[in-house]
Amino acid sequence: MAIQIHKRMALPEEDQRFGIAQSEHRCENNLTTITEFLLLGFQVSESLRILLFSFLLVIYWVTICGNLLIITLVTTSKNLHTPMYFFISQLSVSDIFVITDIVPKILHILLNNGGIISFADCITQFYFLGASETVECFLLGMMSYDRYVAICNPLRYSTIMTNRYCTIWTVIIWVFGFSIVLIYIISTAKLKFCGPNIIDHVFCDILPLLELACSDTYIVHLEIYLICVPLVLIPTTVIVVTYTFISLEILRIPSMTGRQKAFSTCSSHLTVVSIFYWTMSSVYIFPSKGRTLTTSKILSLLYTVFTPLINPIIYSLRNKDIIKAVQGVVYK
């Protein structure tokens, strides 16, 4: 039996275009349970959608190739077998997870002017996004601590930032990141969706999804608040405190050349941190009142698509060791 698809009046041809057929389930109150959602993506002209498709496809492949290059260089080049580059390679792995989780579905949506996604796939997409971003937050915190030890306690750097220490903390970060978000993911998966099934977004984000729930979402919102606030505050505090000490230490260096050299070791990381937190804050923290849906979609693309693209570029263009490693591979 076909499920009834609830639509907005502005989209009368969607069910004919997609030929949606779903199995029907009934809630206790006789409302139909939605098992699939319609992601609208960008509702623009066909020529503009093709342009966006081509643009995102290029970005996707450049991002994958750039991050894989970073991972390969760090793995194979002995000059890059240091804690900082190890964390950079882990950041590249996280970026690959994020962009692979988001972009292929967006490309499908752009080709079809919208796309169907099952409830299970929707939850899975948001789970990998949330877990990967959590991992990235804590990796950036670990990288700032690495810079703190390197600049403020250089004589003990090799004894503190050992391979074993870095590996243990990296494993903890990955396991923690993919475990902690399960709390609100499982709660979201238990919600009932009996009303409209149209998500006017480019991927399954938590806020548009919760707006469609028929059941009470208070517990889910509470869990998200209690979990995400510490997840953001802990690495942010680490970054702010470590860079405060780093700045004070750099100011003690008598020569301007010495200061510039010390700061250059942190500049790439600071740039990545600034871009990451600015794009995330623009979506989830800054007030969204008066913001159009198109603006929200573009801002969402900034931290899910463009940040993974920019990270390897920053570390490649502003890092002499990586440039040297690339030249060693090319001219070998």
Protein backbone atom coordinates (compact mmCIF):
# COMPACT_ATOMS: atom_id res chain seq x y z
CA MET A 1 0.00 0.00 0.00
CA ALA A 2 1.46 3.38 -0.97
CA ILE A 3 2.13 5.82 1.80
CA GLN A 4 0.60 9.28 1.59
CA ILE A 5 3.27 11.86 0.83
CA HIS A 6 2.63 15.21 2.47
CA LYS A 7 3.70 18.09 0.25
CA ARG A 8 3.74 21.86 0.27
CA MET A 9 1.47 23.56 -2.26
CA ALA A 10 4.52 24.96 -4.05
CA LEU A 11 5.66 21.48 -5.05
CA PRO A 12 2.64 19.74 -6.66
CA GLU A 13 4.61 17.60 -9.12
CA GLU A 14 7.13 16.01 -6.74
CA ASP A 15 5.34 12.69 -6.28
CA GLN A 16 4.96 12.28 -10.06
CA ARG A 17 8.59 13.20 -10.69
CA PHE A 18 10.03 10.76 -8.16
CA GLY A 19 7.40 8.00 -8.36
CA ILE A 20 7.55 7.50 -4.59
CA ALA A 21 6.27 4.19 -3.24
CA GLN A 22 6.66 3.26 0.42
CA SER A 23 5.36 0.61 2.77
CA GLU A 24 2.77 1.96 5.19
CA HIS A 25 3.07 1.84 8.95
CA ARG A 26 0.61 3.19 11.49
CA CYS A 27 1.26 5.08 14.70
CA GLU A 28 -0.89 4.47 17.73
CA ASN A 29 -2.92 7.58 16.88
CA ASN A 30 -3.65 6.28 13.35
CA LEU A 31 -1.19 8.69 11.72
CA THR A 32 0.96 7.42 8.88
CA THR A 33 4.63 6.90 9.80
CA ILE A 34 7.04 8.43 7.33
CA THR A 35 9.88 6.10 6.34
CA GLU A 36 11.39 8.25 3.58
CA PHE A 37 12.17 11.92 3.18
CA LEU A 38 12.43 14.22 0.19
CA LEU A 39 15.59 16.36 0.24
CA LEU A 40 14.93 19.44 -1.88
CA GLY A 41 18.49 20.71 -2.23
CA PHE A 42 18.74 23.91 -4.28
CA GLN A 43 15.49 24.68 -6.10
CA VAL A 44 17.03 26.64 -8.96
CA SER A 45 17.09 26.51 -12.74
CA GLU A 46 18.48 23.43 -14.51
CA SER A 47 21.47 25.30 -15.92
CA LEU A 48 22.43 26.57 -12.47
CA ARG A 49 22.02 23.08 -10.99
CA ILE A 50 24.34 21.65 -13.65
CA LEU A 51 26.87 24.38 -12.85
CA LEU A 52 26.64 23.60 -9.13
CA PHE A 53 26.93 19.88 -9.87
CA SER A 54 30.11 20.39 -11.89
CA PHE A 55 31.56 22.74 -9.29
CA LEU A 56 30.91 20.38 -6.38
CA LEU A 57 32.16 17.36 -8.33
CA VAL A 58 35.49 19.11 -8.98
CA ILE A 59 35.72 20.17 -5.32
CA TYR A 60 34.95 16.61 -4.21
CA TRP A 61 37.72 15.01 -6.27
CA VAL A 62 40.26 17.73 -5.45
CA THR A 63 39.46 17.32 -1.74
CA ILE A 64 39.77 13.54 -1.84
CA CYS A 65 43.04 13.70 -3.80
CA GLY A 66 44.47 16.47 -1.58
CA ASN A 67 43.71 14.68 1.68
CA LEU A 68 44.90 11.32 0.34
CA LEU A 69 48.14 13.04 -0.72
CA ILE A 70 48.62 14.35 2.83
CA ILE A 71 47.98 10.89 4.30
CA THR A 72 50.35 9.23 1.81
CA LEU A 73 53.14 11.75 2.35
CA VAL A 74 52.93 11.53 6.14
CA THR A 75 52.96 7.73 5.94
CA THR A 76 55.85 7.38 3.50
CA SER A 77 58.11 10.37 4.15
CA LYS A 78 60.45 9.99 7.12
CA ASN A 79 60.75 13.76 7.47
CA LEU A 80 57.03 13.91 8.27
CA HIS A 81 57.09 11.21 10.97
CA THR A 82 56.37 13.74 13.74
CA PRO A 83 53.37 14.17 16.05
CA MET A 84 52.12 17.31 14.28
CA TYR A 85 52.03 15.66 10.86
CA PHE A 86 50.51 12.53 12.36
CA PHE A 87 47.60 14.64 13.65
CA ILE A 88 47.37 16.42 10.28
CA SER A 89 46.98 13.03 8.57
CA GLN A 90 44.22 12.10 11.03
CA LEU A 91 42.53 15.41 10.26
CA SER A 92 42.65 14.46 6.57
CA VAL A 93 40.97 11.13 7.34
CA SER A 94 38.20 13.01 9.17
CA ASP A 95 37.79 15.42 6.24
CA ILE A 96 37.44 12.49 3.82
CA PHE A 97 34.70 11.02 6.04
CA VAL A 98 32.82 14.34 6.09
CA ILE A 99 32.90 15.15 2.39
CA THR A 100 32.20 11.55 1.30
CA ASP A 101 29.24 11.44 3.66
CA ILE A 102 27.71 14.62 2.21
CA VAL A 103 28.72 15.37 -1.38
CA PRO A 104 27.63 12.21 -3.32
CA LYS A 105 24.04 12.63 -2.11
CA ILE A 106 24.10 16.35 -2.93
CA LEU A 107 25.28 15.53 -6.46
CA HIS A 108 22.39 13.08 -6.85
CA ILE A 109 19.95 15.73 -5.61
CA LEU A 110 21.28 18.33 -8.03
CA LEU A 111 20.92 15.96 -10.97
CA ASN A 112 17.31 15.11 -10.09
CA ASN A 113 16.22 18.48 -8.64
CA GLY A 114 15.59 16.72 -5.34
CA GLY A 115 16.14 13.25 -3.97
CA ILE A 116 14.60 10.57 -1.80
CA ILE A 117 16.46 9.35 1.28
CA SER A 118 15.23 6.67 3.66
CA PHE A 119 14.93 7.40 7.37
CA ALA A 120 17.75 4.94 8.14
CA ASP A 121 20.06 6.56 5.55
CA CYS A 122 19.15 9.99 6.87
CA ILE A 123 20.10 9.03 10.44
CA THR A 124 23.28 7.32 9.18
CA GLN A 125 24.31 10.41 7.22
CA PHE A 126 23.92 12.69 10.21
CA TYR A 127 25.68 10.17 12.49
CA PHE A 128 28.85 10.09 10.38
CA LEU A 129 28.76 13.88 10.01
CA GLY A 130 28.38 14.45 13.76
CA ALA A 131 31.02 11.86 14.67
CA SER A 132 33.56 13.15 12.14
CA GLU A 133 33.11 16.77 13.23
CA THR A 134 33.50 15.73 16.88
CA VAL A 135 36.75 13.94 16.03
CA GLU A 136 37.96 17.03 14.16
CA CYS A 137 37.24 19.29 17.15
CA PHE A 138 39.37 17.16 19.46
CA LEU A 139 42.13 16.65 16.89
CA LEU A 140 42.45 20.43 16.59
CA GLY A 141 42.69 20.58 20.38
CA MET A 142 45.46 17.95 20.41
CA MET A 143 47.32 19.82 17.67
CA SER A 144 47.25 23.02 19.71
CA TYR A 145 48.64 21.11 22.71
CA ASP A 146 51.39 19.75 20.46
CA ARG A 147 52.33 23.31 19.44
CA TYR A 148 52.26 24.37 23.10
CA VAL A 149 54.75 21.67 24.10
CA ALA A 150 56.95 22.39 21.06
CA ILE A 151 57.22 26.13 21.81
CA CYS A 152 56.84 26.38 25.60
CA ASN A 153 58.65 23.20 26.58
CA PRO A 154 60.91 22.28 23.63
CA LEU A 155 63.51 20.35 25.67
CA ARG A 156 60.89 17.84 26.81
CA TYR A 157 58.98 17.67 23.51
CA SER A 158 60.39 14.31 22.39
CA THR A 159 59.72 12.72 25.78
CA ILE A 160 56.15 14.07 26.07
CA MET A 161 54.87 13.74 22.50
CA THR A 162 55.98 10.14 21.96
CA ASN A 163 54.54 7.92 19.23
CA ARG A 164 52.77 5.81 21.85
CA TYR A 165 51.24 8.89 23.51
CA CYS A 166 49.98 10.30 20.20
CA THR A 167 48.60 6.93 19.05
CA ILE A 168 46.72 6.32 22.30
CA TRP A 169 45.13 9.77 22.28
CA THR A 170 44.20 9.45 18.61
CA VAL A 171 42.47 6.11 19.22
CA ILE A 172 40.63 7.60 22.21
CA ILE A 173 39.47 10.57 20.11
CA TRP A 174 38.16 8.38 17.27
CA VAL A 175 36.39 5.91 19.59
CA PHE A 176 34.97 8.72 21.73
CA GLY A 177 33.80 10.74 18.72
CA PHE A 178 31.95 7.83 17.12
CA SER A 179 30.48 6.71 20.46
CA ILE A 180 29.29 9.90 22.18
CA VAL A 181 27.06 11.07 19.33
CA LEU A 182 25.21 7.73 19.43
CA ILE A 183 23.35 9.00 22.50
CA TYR A 184 21.26 11.56 20.65
CA ILE A 185 21.37 9.66 17.36
CA ILE A 186 19.58 6.69 18.98
CA SER A 187 17.04 9.03 20.61
CA THR A 188 16.39 10.69 17.24
CA ALA A 189 15.95 7.30 15.58
CA LYS A 190 13.18 6.48 18.07
CA LEU A 191 11.12 9.55 17.14
CA LYS A 192 7.92 9.21 15.12
CA PHE A 193 7.55 11.09 11.85
CA CYS A 194 3.90 11.27 10.81
CA GLY A 195 3.61 14.67 9.14
CA PRO A 196 5.32 16.36 6.17
CA ASN A 197 8.31 14.44 4.84
CA ILE A 198 9.99 17.28 2.92
CA ILE A 199 13.40 18.47 4.18
CA ASP A 200 14.29 21.78 2.56
CA HIS A 201 18.02 21.28 2.93
CA VAL A 202 20.98 19.77 1.08
CA PHE A 203 21.56 16.93 3.56
CA CYS A 204 20.02 15.39 6.67
CA ASP A 205 20.93 17.85 9.40
CA ILE A 206 19.55 17.45 12.90
CA LEU A 207 17.55 20.69 13.17
CA PRO A 208 15.50 20.31 9.93
CA LEU A 209 14.90 16.66 10.85
CA LEU A 210 13.62 17.39 14.36
CA GLU A 211 11.21 20.00 12.97
CA LEU A 212 9.36 17.20 11.14
CA ALA A 213 8.97 14.91 14.18
CA CYS A 214 5.46 14.23 15.49
CA SER A 215 6.61 13.00 18.91
CA ASP A 216 8.09 15.17 21.65
CA THR A 217 11.67 16.22 20.86
CA TYR A 218 12.47 17.78 24.24
CA ILE A 219 14.71 14.89 25.35
CA VAL A 220 16.62 14.93 22.06
CA HIS A 221 17.18 18.69 22.26
CA LEU A 222 18.31 18.31 25.88
CA GLU A 223 20.73 15.51 24.97
CA ILE A 224 22.16 17.52 22.09
CA TYR A 225 22.67 20.52 24.38
CA LEU A 226 24.24 18.52 27.23
CA ILE A 227 26.54 16.61 24.88
CA CYS A 228 27.48 19.18 22.24
CA VAL A 229 28.23 22.09 24.58
CA PRO A 230 31.04 20.19 26.39
CA LEU A 231 32.20 18.71 23.06
CA VAL A 232 32.74 22.24 21.77
CA LEU A 233 33.89 23.89 25.00
CA ILE A 234 36.57 21.34 25.97
CA PRO A 235 38.72 21.54 22.79
CA THR A 236 37.99 25.28 22.49
CA THR A 237 39.25 25.84 26.03
CA VAL A 238 42.36 23.78 25.29
CA ILE A 239 43.03 25.82 22.14
CA VAL A 240 42.50 29.20 23.85
CA VAL A 241 44.62 28.33 26.92
CA THR A 242 47.49 26.77 24.96
CA TYR A 243 47.67 29.64 22.49
CA THR A 244 47.59 32.14 25.35
CA PHE A 245 50.73 30.52 26.76
CA ILE A 246 52.22 30.22 23.27
CA SER A 247 51.65 33.95 22.63
CA LEU A 248 53.27 34.89 25.95
CA GLU A 249 56.24 32.65 25.17
CA ILE A 250 56.67 34.11 21.69
CA LEU A 251 56.58 37.66 23.09
CA ARG A 252 59.54 36.76 25.32
CA ILE A 253 61.71 36.01 22.28
CA PRO A 254 64.01 39.03 21.88
CA SER A 255 64.47 39.04 18.09
CA MET A 256 61.72 39.73 15.56
CA THR A 257 63.06 36.94 13.33
CA GLY A 258 62.77 34.46 16.20
CA ARG A 259 59.21 35.53 16.88
CA GLN A 260 58.23 35.15 13.26
CA LYS A 261 59.83 31.71 13.06
CA ALA A 262 58.04 30.54 16.21
CA PHE A 263 54.70 31.92 15.05
CA SER A 264 55.07 30.36 11.60
CA THR A 265 54.94 26.91 13.19
CA CYS A 266 51.44 27.73 14.47
CA SER A 267 50.02 29.83 11.63
CA SER A 268 48.63 26.97 9.54
CA HIS A 269 46.93 25.40 12.55
CA LEU A 270 45.48 28.73 13.66
CA THR A 271 44.10 29.32 10.16
CA VAL A 272 42.43 25.89 10.08
CA VAL A 273 41.00 26.39 13.59
CA SER A 274 39.60 29.81 12.67
CA ILE A 275 37.92 28.54 9.49
CA PHE A 276 36.51 25.45 11.22
CA TYR A 277 34.99 27.29 14.18
CA TRP A 278 33.73 30.21 12.11
CA THR A 279 31.87 27.98 9.66
CA MET A 280 30.43 25.77 12.43
CA SER A 281 29.37 28.78 14.51
CA SER A 282 27.68 30.45 11.54
CA VAL A 283 25.36 27.43 11.22
CA TYR A 284 24.67 26.31 14.81
CA ILE A 285 25.51 29.20 17.16
CA PHE A 286 24.89 32.55 15.46
CA PRO A 287 21.22 33.63 15.38
CA SER A 288 19.40 32.33 12.30
CA LYS A 289 16.51 34.78 12.53
CA GLY A 290 16.03 36.53 9.21
CA ARG A 291 18.34 34.09 7.44
CA THR A 292 16.96 32.65 4.21
CA LEU A 293 16.92 28.89 3.54
CA THR A 294 19.36 29.37 0.67
CA THR A 295 21.80 31.16 2.98
CA SER A 296 21.52 28.35 5.53
CA LYS A 297 22.25 25.78 2.84
CA ILE A 298 25.32 27.69 1.62
CA LEU A 299 26.63 28.07 5.19
CA SER A 300 26.15 24.33 5.73
CA LEU A 301 28.22 23.65 2.62
CA LEU A 302 31.03 25.81 4.01
CA TYR A 303 31.86 23.47 6.89
CA THR A 304 30.93 20.18 5.19
CA VAL A 305 32.44 20.77 1.74
CA PHE A 306 34.79 23.75 1.64
CA THR A 307 36.57 23.23 4.98
CA PRO A 308 37.79 19.71 3.98
CA LEU A 309 39.00 21.29 0.72
CA ILE A 310 40.82 24.18 2.37
CA ASN A 311 42.60 22.20 5.10
CA PRO A 312 45.07 20.27 2.88
CA ILE A 313 45.64 23.39 0.77
CA ILE A 314 46.62 25.41 3.84
CA TYR A 315 48.94 22.72 5.18
CA SER A 316 50.48 22.18 1.74
CA LEU A 317 51.00 25.75 0.59
CA ARG A 318 52.21 27.06 3.95
CA ASN A 319 54.36 24.14 4.96
CA LYS A 320 57.91 23.77 3.65
CA ASP A 321 58.24 20.18 4.91
CA ILE A 322 55.20 18.98 2.96
CA ILE A 323 56.27 20.90 -0.15
CA LYS A 324 59.71 19.30 0.15
CA ALA A 325 58.12 15.86 0.54
CA VAL A 326 56.00 16.43 -2.58
CA GLN A 327 59.07 17.48 -4.54
CA GLY A 328 60.88 14.39 -3.31
CA VAL A 329 58.08 12.17 -4.65
CA VAL A 330 57.83 14.04 -7.98
CA TYR A 331 61.56 14.17 -8.73
CA LYS A 332 62.43 10.77 -7.27
